Protein backbone atom coordinates (compact mmCIF):
# COMPACT_ATOMS: atom_id res chain seq x y z
CA MET A 1 9.42 -19.61 9.26
CA ASN A 2 12.20 -16.99 9.31
CA VAL A 3 11.35 -13.93 7.23
CA LEU A 4 13.49 -11.04 6.01
CA SER A 5 11.49 -8.02 4.88
CA LEU A 6 13.30 -5.29 2.97
CA PHE A 7 11.82 -1.78 2.69
CA ASP A 8 9.50 -3.09 5.39
CA GLY A 9 7.55 0.08 6.09
CA MET A 10 4.94 -0.60 8.76
CA SER A 11 5.26 -4.41 8.37
CA CYS A 12 2.34 -5.10 6.04
CA GLY A 13 4.14 -8.34 5.21
CA ARG A 14 3.79 -9.46 8.81
CA ILE A 15 0.05 -8.73 8.80
CA ALA A 16 -0.27 -10.77 5.59
CA LEU A 17 1.60 -13.71 7.12
CA ASP A 18 -0.80 -13.64 10.06
CA LYS A 19 -3.81 -13.55 7.73
CA ALA A 20 -2.36 -16.48 5.77
CA LYS A 21 -1.92 -18.34 9.09
CA ILE A 22 1.82 -18.77 8.57
CA GLU A 23 3.70 -19.11 11.84
CA VAL A 24 6.64 -16.69 12.07
CA ASP A 25 9.65 -17.66 14.15
CA ASN A 26 11.73 -14.58 13.39
CA TYR A 27 10.77 -11.49 11.42
CA TYR A 28 13.71 -9.31 10.39
CA ALA A 29 12.87 -5.87 9.01
CA SER A 30 14.95 -3.29 7.17
CA GLU A 31 13.41 0.17 7.39
CA LEU A 32 14.59 3.75 7.98
CA ASP A 33 11.36 5.69 8.52
CA LYS A 34 11.06 6.20 12.27
CA TYR A 35 7.28 6.55 12.16
CA ALA A 36 6.80 3.31 10.24
CA ILE A 37 9.15 1.55 12.66
CA LYS A 38 7.13 2.92 15.60
CA VAL A 39 3.94 1.44 14.13
CA SER A 40 5.62 -1.90 13.42
CA GLN A 41 7.02 -2.21 16.92
CA ALA A 42 3.73 -1.18 18.52
CA ASN A 43 1.92 -4.00 16.72
CA TYR A 44 4.76 -6.55 16.54
CA PRO A 45 7.25 -5.80 19.32
CA ASP A 46 9.27 -8.95 18.51
CA THR A 47 10.25 -7.55 15.08
CA VAL A 48 14.03 -7.36 14.71
CA GLN A 49 14.87 -4.00 13.14
CA LEU A 50 18.05 -4.12 11.03
CA GLY A 51 18.26 -0.55 9.75
CA ASP A 52 19.67 0.69 6.46
CA VAL A 53 19.32 -1.84 3.62
CA THR A 54 22.48 -0.53 1.94
CA LYS A 55 24.48 -1.71 4.99
CA TRP A 56 23.18 -5.26 4.80
CA ARG A 57 26.65 -6.78 4.88
CA GLU A 58 26.94 -5.54 8.46
CA TRP A 59 23.79 -7.32 9.63
CA ASP A 60 24.34 -9.99 12.26
CA ILE A 61 21.86 -12.65 11.11
CA ASP A 62 22.07 -16.29 10.12
CA TRP A 63 21.62 -15.97 6.36
CA GLY A 64 21.11 -19.69 5.87
CA SER A 65 18.12 -19.65 8.22
CA ILE A 66 16.07 -17.23 6.10
CA ASP A 67 13.12 -19.04 4.49
CA LEU A 68 11.37 -16.09 2.85
CA LEU A 69 12.59 -12.75 1.44
CA ILE A 70 9.94 -10.11 0.77
CA GLY A 71 9.91 -6.47 -0.23
CA GLY A 72 8.47 -3.70 -2.35
CA SER A 73 11.50 -1.74 -3.49
CA PRO A 74 10.82 2.02 -3.80
CA CYS A 75 8.79 2.64 -6.93
CA GLN A 76 9.04 6.39 -7.54
CA GLY A 77 11.39 5.99 -10.49
CA PHE A 78 9.06 3.57 -12.27
CA SER A 79 5.66 5.08 -11.53
CA PHE A 80 3.74 6.73 -14.37
CA ALA A 81 2.78 9.39 -11.81
CA GLY A 82 6.41 10.46 -11.45
CA LYS A 83 9.27 11.51 -13.72
CA GLN A 84 9.96 7.89 -14.77
CA LEU A 85 13.68 8.09 -14.15
CA ALA A 86 13.63 4.32 -13.64
CA PHE A 87 17.02 2.98 -12.53
CA ASP A 88 18.49 6.48 -12.67
CA ASP A 89 16.36 7.32 -9.65
CA PRO A 90 18.44 6.53 -6.52
CA ARG A 91 15.36 5.12 -4.78
CA SER A 92 14.55 2.68 -7.57
CA LYS A 93 18.21 1.63 -7.72
CA LEU A 94 17.55 -0.06 -4.39
CA PHE A 95 16.05 -2.92 -6.41
CA PHE A 96 19.60 -4.05 -7.09
CA ILE A 97 20.23 -4.23 -3.33
CA TYR A 98 17.26 -6.59 -3.13
CA VAL A 99 18.91 -8.74 -5.81
CA GLU A 100 22.26 -8.70 -4.03
CA ILE A 101 20.66 -9.87 -0.79
CA LEU A 102 18.64 -12.54 -2.58
CA ASN A 103 21.76 -13.90 -4.28
CA HIS A 104 23.62 -13.85 -0.98
CA ILE A 105 20.92 -15.86 0.78
CA GLU A 106 20.72 -18.35 -2.10
CA ALA A 107 24.41 -19.17 -1.56
CA PHE A 108 23.43 -20.47 1.89
CA ASN A 109 19.88 -21.63 1.16
CA PRO A 110 19.14 -22.54 -2.50
CA ASN A 111 15.49 -23.11 -1.56
CA ILE A 112 14.85 -19.53 -0.45
CA LYS A 113 11.42 -18.22 -1.46
CA PHE A 114 11.04 -14.59 -2.48
CA LEU A 115 8.37 -12.02 -3.28
CA LEU A 116 8.88 -8.60 -4.83
CA GLU A 117 6.13 -6.04 -5.42
CA ASN A 118 6.29 -2.96 -7.65
CA VAL A 119 4.13 -0.55 -9.62
CA LYS A 120 2.80 -0.70 -13.14
CA MET A 121 5.70 0.43 -15.35
CA LEU A 122 7.11 0.52 -18.86
CA LYS A 123 7.73 -2.85 -20.47
CA ASP A 124 11.49 -2.25 -20.75
CA HIS A 125 11.82 -1.64 -17.01
CA LEU A 126 9.63 -4.63 -16.27
CA GLU A 127 11.87 -6.88 -18.34
CA VAL A 128 15.00 -5.73 -16.50
CA ILE A 129 13.52 -6.71 -13.14
CA SER A 130 12.23 -10.02 -14.53
CA ASP A 131 15.62 -10.87 -16.02
CA TYR A 132 17.42 -10.27 -12.74
CA LEU A 133 14.91 -12.34 -10.77
CA ASP A 134 14.55 -14.97 -13.52
CA VAL A 135 10.76 -15.09 -13.12
CA GLU A 136 7.85 -13.40 -14.86
CA PRO A 137 5.58 -11.16 -12.77
CA VAL A 138 1.86 -11.53 -12.14
CA PHE A 139 -0.26 -8.40 -12.55
CA ILE A 140 -2.95 -7.89 -9.90
CA ASN A 141 -5.31 -5.01 -9.30
CA SER A 142 -6.06 -4.69 -5.58
CA ALA A 143 -9.65 -3.96 -6.59
CA LEU A 144 -10.18 -7.73 -6.57
CA VAL A 145 -9.82 -7.86 -2.78
CA SER A 146 -10.47 -4.28 -1.70
CA ALA A 147 -12.35 -1.08 -2.53
CA GLN A 148 -9.27 0.44 -4.18
CA ASN A 149 -7.87 0.41 -7.69
CA ARG A 150 -4.18 -0.32 -7.14
CA GLN A 151 -2.32 -1.92 -10.03
CA ARG A 152 0.83 -3.78 -9.04
CA TYR A 153 3.22 -6.47 -10.32
CA TYR A 154 4.31 -9.37 -8.12
CA TRP A 155 7.37 -11.54 -8.71
CA THR A 156 7.62 -14.82 -6.80
CA ASN A 157 9.34 -18.17 -7.28
CA TRP A 158 6.22 -20.15 -6.50
CA TYR A 159 2.95 -20.50 -8.39
CA PHE A 160 -0.22 -18.74 -7.24
CA LYS A 161 -3.62 -18.10 -8.75
CA LEU A 162 -5.25 -14.72 -9.08
CA PRO A 163 -7.53 -13.89 -6.15
CA GLU A 164 -11.26 -14.04 -6.73
CA ASP A 165 -13.19 -10.78 -6.93
CA LYS A 166 -14.71 -10.02 -3.52
CA SER A 167 -16.84 -7.20 -5.02
CA ILE A 168 -15.99 -4.72 -2.26
CA ALA A 169 -17.19 -1.21 -3.10
CA LEU A 170 -15.92 2.09 -1.78
CA LYS A 171 -19.27 2.74 -0.11
CA ASP A 172 -18.75 -0.46 1.91
CA ILE A 173 -15.70 0.89 3.73
CA VAL A 174 -16.64 4.51 4.55
CA GLN A 175 -17.10 5.06 8.26
CA GLY A 176 -20.45 6.81 7.98
CA SER A 177 -21.88 10.11 9.14
CA GLY A 178 -20.19 10.01 12.54
CA VAL A 179 -16.90 11.32 11.17
CA LYS A 180 -16.16 14.89 12.16
CA VAL A 181 -15.99 17.11 9.10
CA ASP A 182 -13.90 20.27 9.05
CA ARG A 183 -16.46 22.74 7.70
CA LYS A 184 -13.84 25.38 6.91
CA LYS A 185 -11.83 22.98 4.75
CA SER A 186 -15.03 21.67 3.16
CA ASN A 187 -16.14 25.16 2.21
CA ALA A 188 -12.68 25.92 0.80
CA ILE A 189 -12.84 22.86 -1.45
CA ILE A 190 -16.31 23.72 -2.69
CA ALA A 191 -15.44 27.39 -3.13
CA SER A 192 -12.55 26.46 -5.43
CA ILE A 193 -15.01 26.39 -8.35
CA GLY A 194 -18.06 28.02 -6.82
CA ARG A 195 -20.81 26.89 -4.48
CA THR A 196 -23.50 26.40 -7.12
CA THR A 197 -21.75 23.67 -9.11
CA PRO A 198 -21.36 21.09 -6.35
CA ARG A 199 -24.96 21.57 -5.26
CA GLU A 200 -26.12 20.87 -8.79
CA TYR A 201 -23.67 18.01 -9.11
CA PHE A 202 -25.02 16.26 -6.01
CA TYR A 203 -28.67 17.18 -6.43
CA LYS A 204 -29.73 13.69 -7.48
CA ARG A 205 -28.13 12.17 -4.38
CA GLN A 206 -29.34 14.62 -1.75
CA GLY A 207 -31.39 11.96 0.05
CA GLN A 208 -28.23 10.11 1.07
CA VAL A 209 -26.27 10.94 4.17
CA VAL A 210 -22.88 9.67 3.03
CA PHE A 211 -21.96 8.73 -0.49
CA VAL A 212 -19.16 8.48 -3.01
CA ASP A 213 -19.50 8.82 -6.74
CA ARG A 214 -17.60 5.72 -7.88
CA ASP A 215 -17.42 2.04 -7.04
CA LYS A 216 -13.71 1.96 -6.30
CA SER A 217 -11.30 4.48 -4.81
CA TYR A 218 -8.34 5.73 -6.75
CA CYS A 219 -5.01 4.39 -5.59
CA VAL A 220 -4.07 5.76 -2.17
CA ASP A 221 -0.60 7.26 -2.48
CA ALA A 222 1.87 8.65 0.04
CA ASN A 223 0.70 12.20 -0.71
CA TYR A 224 -2.95 11.63 0.19
CA TYR A 225 -2.45 13.61 3.40
CA LYS A 226 -2.37 16.74 1.22
CA GLY A 227 -6.04 16.25 0.40
CA ALA A 228 -7.57 17.35 -2.89
CA ASN A 229 -9.14 20.35 -4.50
CA TRP A 230 -12.63 20.32 -5.97
CA THR A 231 -11.47 20.45 -9.59
CA GLN A 232 -9.46 17.26 -9.08
CA TYR A 233 -12.49 15.60 -7.55
CA LEU A 234 -14.81 16.38 -10.44
CA THR A 235 -12.25 15.17 -12.99
CA LYS A 236 -9.74 12.46 -12.12
CA SER A 237 -8.72 12.93 -8.52
CA ARG A 238 -6.02 10.70 -7.11
CA ARG A 239 -7.21 11.76 -3.68
CA GLN A 240 -10.70 10.42 -3.19
CA LEU A 241 -13.25 12.53 -1.33
CA VAL A 242 -16.42 11.63 0.54
CA VAL A 243 -19.50 13.86 0.48
CA GLU A 244 -22.01 14.18 3.30
CA PHE A 245 -25.40 15.91 3.28
CA ILE A 246 -25.88 17.35 6.77
CA ASN A 247 -28.41 19.94 7.95
CA ASN A 248 -29.41 20.71 4.37
CA ASP A 249 -25.80 21.43 3.42
CA TYR A 250 -23.10 19.55 1.55
CA LEU A 251 -19.86 18.82 3.39
CA VAL A 252 -16.83 17.37 1.68
CA ARG A 253 -14.00 15.49 3.35
CA LYS A 254 -11.10 13.32 2.39
CA LEU A 255 -10.92 9.70 3.45
CA THR A 256 -10.01 9.13 7.09
CA PRO A 257 -6.91 7.14 8.08
CA ILE A 258 -9.17 4.24 9.07
CA GLU A 259 -10.83 4.30 5.64
CA CYS A 260 -7.39 4.25 4.01
CA GLU A 261 -6.45 1.31 6.25
CA ARG A 262 -9.54 -0.47 4.95
CA LEU A 263 -8.56 0.30 1.35
CA GLN A 264 -5.21 -1.35 2.07
CA THR A 265 -7.00 -4.15 4.01
CA VAL A 266 -5.03 -3.24 7.12
CA PRO A 267 -6.79 -3.70 10.51
CA ASP A 268 -8.62 -0.62 11.78
CA ASP A 269 -6.36 1.68 13.82
CA TYR A 270 -3.26 -0.39 13.10
CA THR A 271 -1.43 2.89 12.32
CA ASN A 272 -2.92 5.02 15.11
CA HIS A 273 0.41 5.33 16.96
CA VAL A 274 1.56 8.32 14.89
CA SER A 275 0.09 11.51 13.41
CA ASN A 276 -2.52 11.32 10.66
CA THR A 277 -0.03 12.77 8.19
CA GLN A 278 2.38 9.93 8.85
CA ARG A 279 -0.47 7.38 8.78
CA TYR A 280 -1.47 8.49 5.29
CA LYS A 281 2.14 8.40 4.08
CA MET A 282 2.90 4.88 5.27
CA LEU A 283 -0.43 3.52 4.06
CA GLY A 284 0.22 4.97 0.62
CA ASN A 285 3.64 3.29 0.59
CA GLY A 286 2.41 -0.06 1.90
CA PHE A 287 1.16 -3.33 0.46
CA THR A 288 -2.48 -4.18 -0.06
CA VAL A 289 -2.33 -6.80 2.68
CA ASP A 290 -5.01 -9.17 1.37
CA VAL A 291 -3.22 -9.50 -1.98
CA ILE A 292 -0.01 -10.53 -0.21
CA ALA A 293 -1.91 -12.87 2.14
CA HIS A 294 -3.51 -14.56 -0.86
CA ILE A 295 -0.10 -15.10 -2.46
CA PHE A 296 1.27 -16.49 0.81
CA LYS A 297 -1.57 -19.00 1.06
CA ASP A 298 -0.37 -20.61 -2.16
CA LEU A 299 3.15 -20.63 -0.72
CA ILE A 300 1.84 -22.93 2.01
CA LYS A 301 0.45 -25.30 -0.63
CA THR A 302 3.81 -25.25 -2.42
């Protein structure tokens, strides 16, 4: 199979194809982030990097040979966490580049298969995307296949069933008490509302070494590297924390890059070729791999 991946990031699509046991002849990737490209090439050195998606007409590829087009066009304009500029956001406008490329390939190969992923958004924006692609999306929460709540829409031109719930909890993916905790940062988080409150808050769980206070993590986003403050944690943090009880003291840490890889169902240390800051960013921008792999498995049946 020949695959063209737009907004490829660190090639989560390629991992999903491997998990779905789909043989890849050529994998073409369009990506600008040098750190994501470094990770992709370290894991899949045969990936053909094409560069800027807006310059697609300059790409030297056999358009008629492409069997599958995939991508998650930038979502910042649609996300409820942002300003919701929708198609007025230059990043979200890149969806129309996806459509241009899809239409171009269809002129050579009417049987092209495609997959587009994007965030939960307003109904009006959803309908625009659906009208252009001429298919209705399927809504999937990554919590079905991972320890993370991550609500996304998926547009494809083949039928697939929803994945079954694997019942994976956040406590199942934490690395354990061997993770080095920065005591200074931990104290700063706790001190943000006073040392007494967290001790009282965790009193009932003091017999546990490592624990989290919810079954599923919040959605890992590209800003997770910034960490979280204690007030966010006690309310509705988008940056999940892990608490450890060591030497009769409470230590607080954010999720490690490996734990974030597990939330995104990416192999452990897949991203370890760049700094932790860049690892967090690309994981937050990536696919939940097992969702994509599940969709691809039904593509094989089709």
